[in-house]
Protein backbone atom coordinates (compact mmCIF):
# COMPACT_ATOMS: atom_id res chain seq x y z
CA MET A 1 6.70 -1.21 18.47
CA THR A 2 10.24 -0.92 17.16
CA ALA A 3 11.59 1.17 14.31
CA ALA A 4 9.73 -1.16 11.95
CA GLY A 5 6.55 0.55 13.12
CA ILE A 6 3.22 -1.04 12.33
CA TRP A 7 4.92 -3.55 10.03
CA GLU A 8 6.63 -5.31 12.93
CA ALA A 9 3.43 -7.33 13.32
CA LEU A 10 4.20 -9.16 10.06
CA VAL A 11 6.52 -12.16 10.24
CA GLY A 12 8.67 -13.38 7.37
CA GLN A 13 7.05 -11.10 4.78
CA ASP A 14 9.84 -8.67 3.89
CA ASP A 15 8.92 -8.43 0.20
CA VAL A 16 5.27 -7.78 1.01
CA ILE A 17 6.21 -5.11 3.54
CA ALA A 18 8.42 -3.35 1.00
CA ASP A 19 5.63 -3.35 -1.61
CA LEU A 20 3.07 -2.01 0.85
CA GLN A 21 5.42 0.68 2.13
CA ARG A 22 5.87 1.87 -1.45
CA ALA A 23 2.10 1.91 -1.85
CA VAL A 24 1.67 3.97 1.32
CA ALA A 25 4.29 6.45 0.12
CA ASP A 26 2.54 6.76 -3.24
CA ALA A 27 -0.83 7.13 -1.51
CA GLU A 28 0.60 10.18 0.24
CA ARG A 29 1.81 11.53 -3.11
CA ARG A 30 -1.67 11.09 -4.56
CA THR A 31 -3.16 13.24 -1.82
CA ARG A 32 -0.91 16.03 -3.13
CA GLY A 33 -2.07 15.50 -6.71
CA GLU A 34 1.15 13.75 -7.74
CA SER A 35 1.63 10.43 -9.51
CA GLY A 36 1.63 7.33 -7.33
CA PRO A 37 1.65 4.12 -9.39
CA ALA A 38 2.40 1.83 -6.45
CA MET A 39 -0.97 2.72 -4.92
CA THR A 40 -4.32 1.52 -6.20
CA HIS A 41 -7.89 1.54 -4.93
CA ALA A 42 -8.58 -2.21 -4.66
CA TRP A 43 -6.39 -5.00 -3.27
CA LEU A 44 -6.61 -8.76 -2.80
CA PHE A 45 -4.48 -10.19 0.01
CA THR A 46 -4.02 -13.95 -0.08
CA GLY A 47 -2.10 -16.44 2.01
CA PRO A 48 -2.53 -19.77 3.78
CA PRO A 49 -3.92 -19.90 7.33
CA GLY A 50 -1.40 -18.50 9.79
CA SER A 51 0.51 -16.51 7.16
CA GLY A 52 -0.76 -13.20 8.50
CA ARG A 53 -2.88 -12.06 5.56
CA SER A 54 -5.44 -10.36 7.83
CA THR A 55 -2.65 -8.78 9.85
CA ALA A 56 -1.07 -7.49 6.64
CA ALA A 57 -4.38 -6.01 5.53
CA THR A 58 -5.02 -4.18 8.80
CA CYS A 59 -1.41 -2.98 9.01
CA PHE A 60 -1.73 -1.55 5.51
CA ALA A 61 -5.02 0.09 6.45
CA ALA A 62 -3.44 1.59 9.58
CA ALA A 63 -0.46 2.90 7.61
CA LEU A 64 -2.78 4.60 5.12
CA VAL A 65 -4.58 6.54 7.86
CA CYS A 66 -1.46 7.17 9.97
CA PRO A 67 0.01 10.69 9.69
CA GLU A 68 3.49 9.11 9.67
CA ASP A 69 2.78 6.28 7.19
CA GLY A 70 2.63 3.52 9.80
CA CYS A 71 4.64 4.69 12.81
CA GLY A 72 3.12 1.99 15.01
CA VAL A 73 2.63 4.22 18.07
CA CYS A 74 0.07 6.90 17.17
CA GLN A 75 -3.65 6.62 17.87
CA ALA A 76 -4.40 5.64 14.27
CA CYS A 77 -1.91 2.76 14.35
CA ARG A 78 -3.19 1.58 17.73
CA THR A 79 -6.89 1.70 16.86
CA ALA A 80 -7.15 0.82 13.16
CA PRO A 81 -6.16 -2.88 13.39
CA GLY A 82 -8.84 -3.46 16.03
CA ASN A 83 -11.57 -1.71 14.04
CA GLY A 84 -11.51 1.29 16.36
CA HIS A 85 -10.60 3.97 13.81
CA PRO A 86 -13.43 5.90 12.11
CA ASP A 87 -11.76 5.66 8.69
CA VAL A 88 -11.06 1.91 8.77
CA GLU A 89 -13.83 -0.67 8.49
CA VAL A 90 -12.84 -4.28 9.18
CA VAL A 91 -15.77 -6.54 8.31
CA ARG A 92 -16.35 -10.27 8.73
CA PRO A 93 -19.30 -12.40 7.63
CA GLN A 94 -21.99 -12.63 10.29
CA GLY A 95 -23.10 -16.03 9.04
CA VAL A 96 -21.68 -18.67 6.74
CA ASN A 97 -21.45 -16.26 3.79
CA TYR A 98 -21.74 -12.61 2.86
CA LEU A 99 -25.21 -12.15 1.39
CA VAL A 100 -26.63 -9.46 -0.89
CA ASP A 101 -27.74 -7.26 2.00
CA ASP A 102 -24.26 -7.51 3.51
CA ALA A 103 -22.75 -6.40 0.21
CA ARG A 104 -25.14 -3.46 -0.04
CA ASN A 105 -24.10 -2.34 3.43
CA LEU A 106 -20.45 -2.59 2.41
CA VAL A 107 -21.08 -0.38 -0.60
CA LYS A 108 -22.75 2.20 1.64
CA GLN A 109 -19.82 2.11 4.07
CA ALA A 110 -17.32 2.46 1.25
CA ALA A 111 -19.08 5.59 0.00
CA LEU A 112 -18.55 7.45 3.29
CA SER A 113 -16.01 10.24 3.32
CA PRO A 114 -13.04 9.86 5.67
CA ALA A 115 -13.34 11.64 9.01
CA ASN A 116 -9.76 12.01 10.24
CA SER A 117 -7.49 11.13 7.33
CA HIS A 118 -7.23 11.19 3.54
CA TRP A 119 -8.52 7.63 3.09
CA HIS A 120 -11.49 5.48 4.02
CA VAL A 121 -10.34 1.85 4.03
CA VAL A 122 -12.68 -1.15 3.91
CA VAL A 123 -11.06 -4.48 4.86
CA VAL A 124 -13.19 -7.49 3.89
CA GLU A 125 -12.11 -10.60 5.78
CA ASP A 126 -12.93 -14.01 4.28
CA ALA A 127 -13.79 -12.56 0.88
CA ASP A 128 -13.94 -16.14 -0.41
CA ARG A 129 -17.28 -16.34 1.41
CA LEU A 130 -18.93 -13.72 -0.79
CA THR A 131 -21.79 -15.30 -2.72
CA ASP A 132 -21.93 -14.71 -6.47
CA GLU A 133 -24.87 -12.37 -5.94
CA ALA A 134 -22.98 -10.41 -3.27
CA VAL A 135 -19.97 -10.07 -5.57
CA ASN A 136 -22.19 -8.64 -8.30
CA VAL A 137 -23.37 -5.95 -5.87
CA LEU A 138 -19.78 -5.03 -4.95
CA LEU A 139 -18.19 -5.02 -8.39
CA LYS A 140 -18.97 -1.46 -9.46
CA SER A 141 -17.80 -0.01 -6.14
CA ILE A 142 -14.59 -2.05 -6.27
CA GLU A 143 -13.91 -1.07 -9.87
CA GLU A 144 -14.87 2.59 -9.54
CA PRO A 145 -14.89 3.57 -5.86
CA PRO A 146 -15.00 7.14 -4.58
CA PRO A 147 -11.54 8.72 -4.89
CA HIS A 148 -10.91 8.47 -1.13
CA THR A 149 -11.91 4.79 -0.77
CA VAL A 150 -9.58 1.79 -0.62
CA TRP A 151 -10.85 -1.80 -0.70
CA ILE A 152 -8.75 -4.62 0.80
CA LEU A 153 -10.16 -8.12 0.33
CA CYS A 154 -8.65 -11.14 2.11
CA ALA A 155 -8.86 -14.78 1.01
CA PRO A 156 -6.74 -17.94 1.20
CA SER A 157 -5.90 -17.88 -2.53
CA VAL A 158 -6.90 -16.25 -5.81
CA GLU A 159 -8.63 -19.50 -6.74
CA ASP A 160 -11.01 -18.99 -3.82
CA VAL A 161 -12.52 -15.77 -5.20
CA LEU A 162 -14.34 -15.08 -8.44
CA PRO A 163 -12.26 -14.02 -11.46
CA THR A 164 -14.27 -10.80 -11.62
CA ILE A 165 -12.80 -9.84 -8.24
CA VAL A 166 -9.27 -10.91 -9.15
CA SER A 167 -9.29 -8.86 -12.36
CA ARG A 168 -10.30 -5.71 -10.48
CA THR A 169 -7.76 -5.91 -7.66
CA ARG A 170 -4.01 -5.84 -7.15
CA HIS A 171 -2.78 -9.11 -5.71
CA VAL A 172 -0.57 -9.35 -2.61
CA ALA A 173 0.54 -12.92 -1.88
CA LEU A 174 1.75 -13.82 1.60
CA ARG A 175 3.67 -17.01 2.27
CA THR A 176 3.90 -19.31 5.25
CA PRO A 177 6.67 -17.91 7.47
CA SER A 178 9.74 -20.08 7.93
CA ALA A 179 10.21 -21.97 11.19
CA ARG A 180 13.18 -19.74 11.96
CA ASP A 181 11.13 -16.56 11.49
CA VAL A 182 8.38 -17.89 13.76
CA ALA A 183 10.87 -19.03 16.41
CA ASP A 184 12.56 -15.62 16.37
CA LEU A 185 9.18 -13.96 16.86
CA LEU A 186 8.37 -16.15 19.87
CA VAL A 187 11.72 -15.41 21.49
CA GLU A 188 11.81 -11.68 20.80
CA ARG A 189 8.16 -10.73 21.33
CA TYR A 190 7.00 -13.24 23.93
CA GLY A 191 10.23 -14.12 25.74
CA VAL A 192 9.91 -17.82 24.98
CA ASP A 193 12.90 -20.08 25.59
CA ARG A 194 14.78 -20.66 22.32
CA ALA A 195 14.42 -24.47 22.41
CA ILE A 196 10.68 -24.31 23.10
CA ALA A 197 10.28 -21.66 20.41
CA ALA A 198 12.06 -23.84 17.85
CA PHE A 199 9.88 -26.83 18.76
CA ALA A 200 6.65 -24.81 18.54
CA ALA A 201 7.64 -23.28 15.20
CA ARG A 202 8.36 -26.70 13.68
CA ALA A 203 5.27 -28.36 15.14
CA SER A 204 2.97 -25.58 13.94
CA GLN A 205 4.37 -25.71 10.39
CA GLY A 206 4.69 -21.95 10.29
CA HIS A 207 1.21 -21.13 11.62
CA ILE A 208 1.91 -18.18 13.91
CA GLY A 209 -1.18 -18.52 16.09
CA ARG A 210 -0.67 -22.23 16.74
CA ALA A 211 3.03 -21.69 17.39
CA ARG A 212 2.27 -19.03 19.99
CA ALA A 213 -0.24 -21.32 21.70
CA LEU A 214 2.23 -24.20 21.79
CA ALA A 215 5.05 -22.03 23.06
CA THR A 216 3.11 -20.29 25.82
CA ASP A 217 0.76 -23.08 26.98
CA GLU A 218 2.43 -26.12 28.55
CA HIS A 219 -0.82 -28.09 28.42
CA ALA A 220 -1.04 -27.52 24.67
CA ARG A 221 2.49 -28.90 24.24
CA ILE A 222 1.65 -31.99 26.28
CA ARG A 223 -1.45 -32.67 24.18
């Protein structure tokens, strides 16, 4: 990764990156017993499909367990986004929804002490698929987690999760990247021709995954 470190994976989200970098810096201050108001123990990341909300969540998790606050090259930064770091749990529903037993397992995971860093981070993908009963199981742990635990919940919008979750979390809103941002990504990271990149970015309406598929797969463009 470049000098942007772990945050290079996010496209068109400069304001979000700045907020999360401040939170990571304050998280480090908290480990020294100092004040760190930009950091909190429970977060809700929202954004439309393709905006990178899950990427933002795992980048934030990686930065929290990275000794250099998200350098992008250390073992923590390489392993955390792929659920390979012992202090980062990235969970997804095994069925249609998260059920009560799933929520109980999450609470148990969240209670574990970190192994290699100051924080134990639990990233809950598709938090909009938590049933009401599962949310009730999670609420106390989200509101009053162990001092080393950080919850990061991901959903398309605040309207997709229960108000009891929204009121207990700090909201991070990601937007759909602009066509220019997506085209620049395709050119710089994947070596795509500028004209093809511009076409893919427009056709995908800012959805990074679809744009990458269009730009790198000729058959997809023909279809």
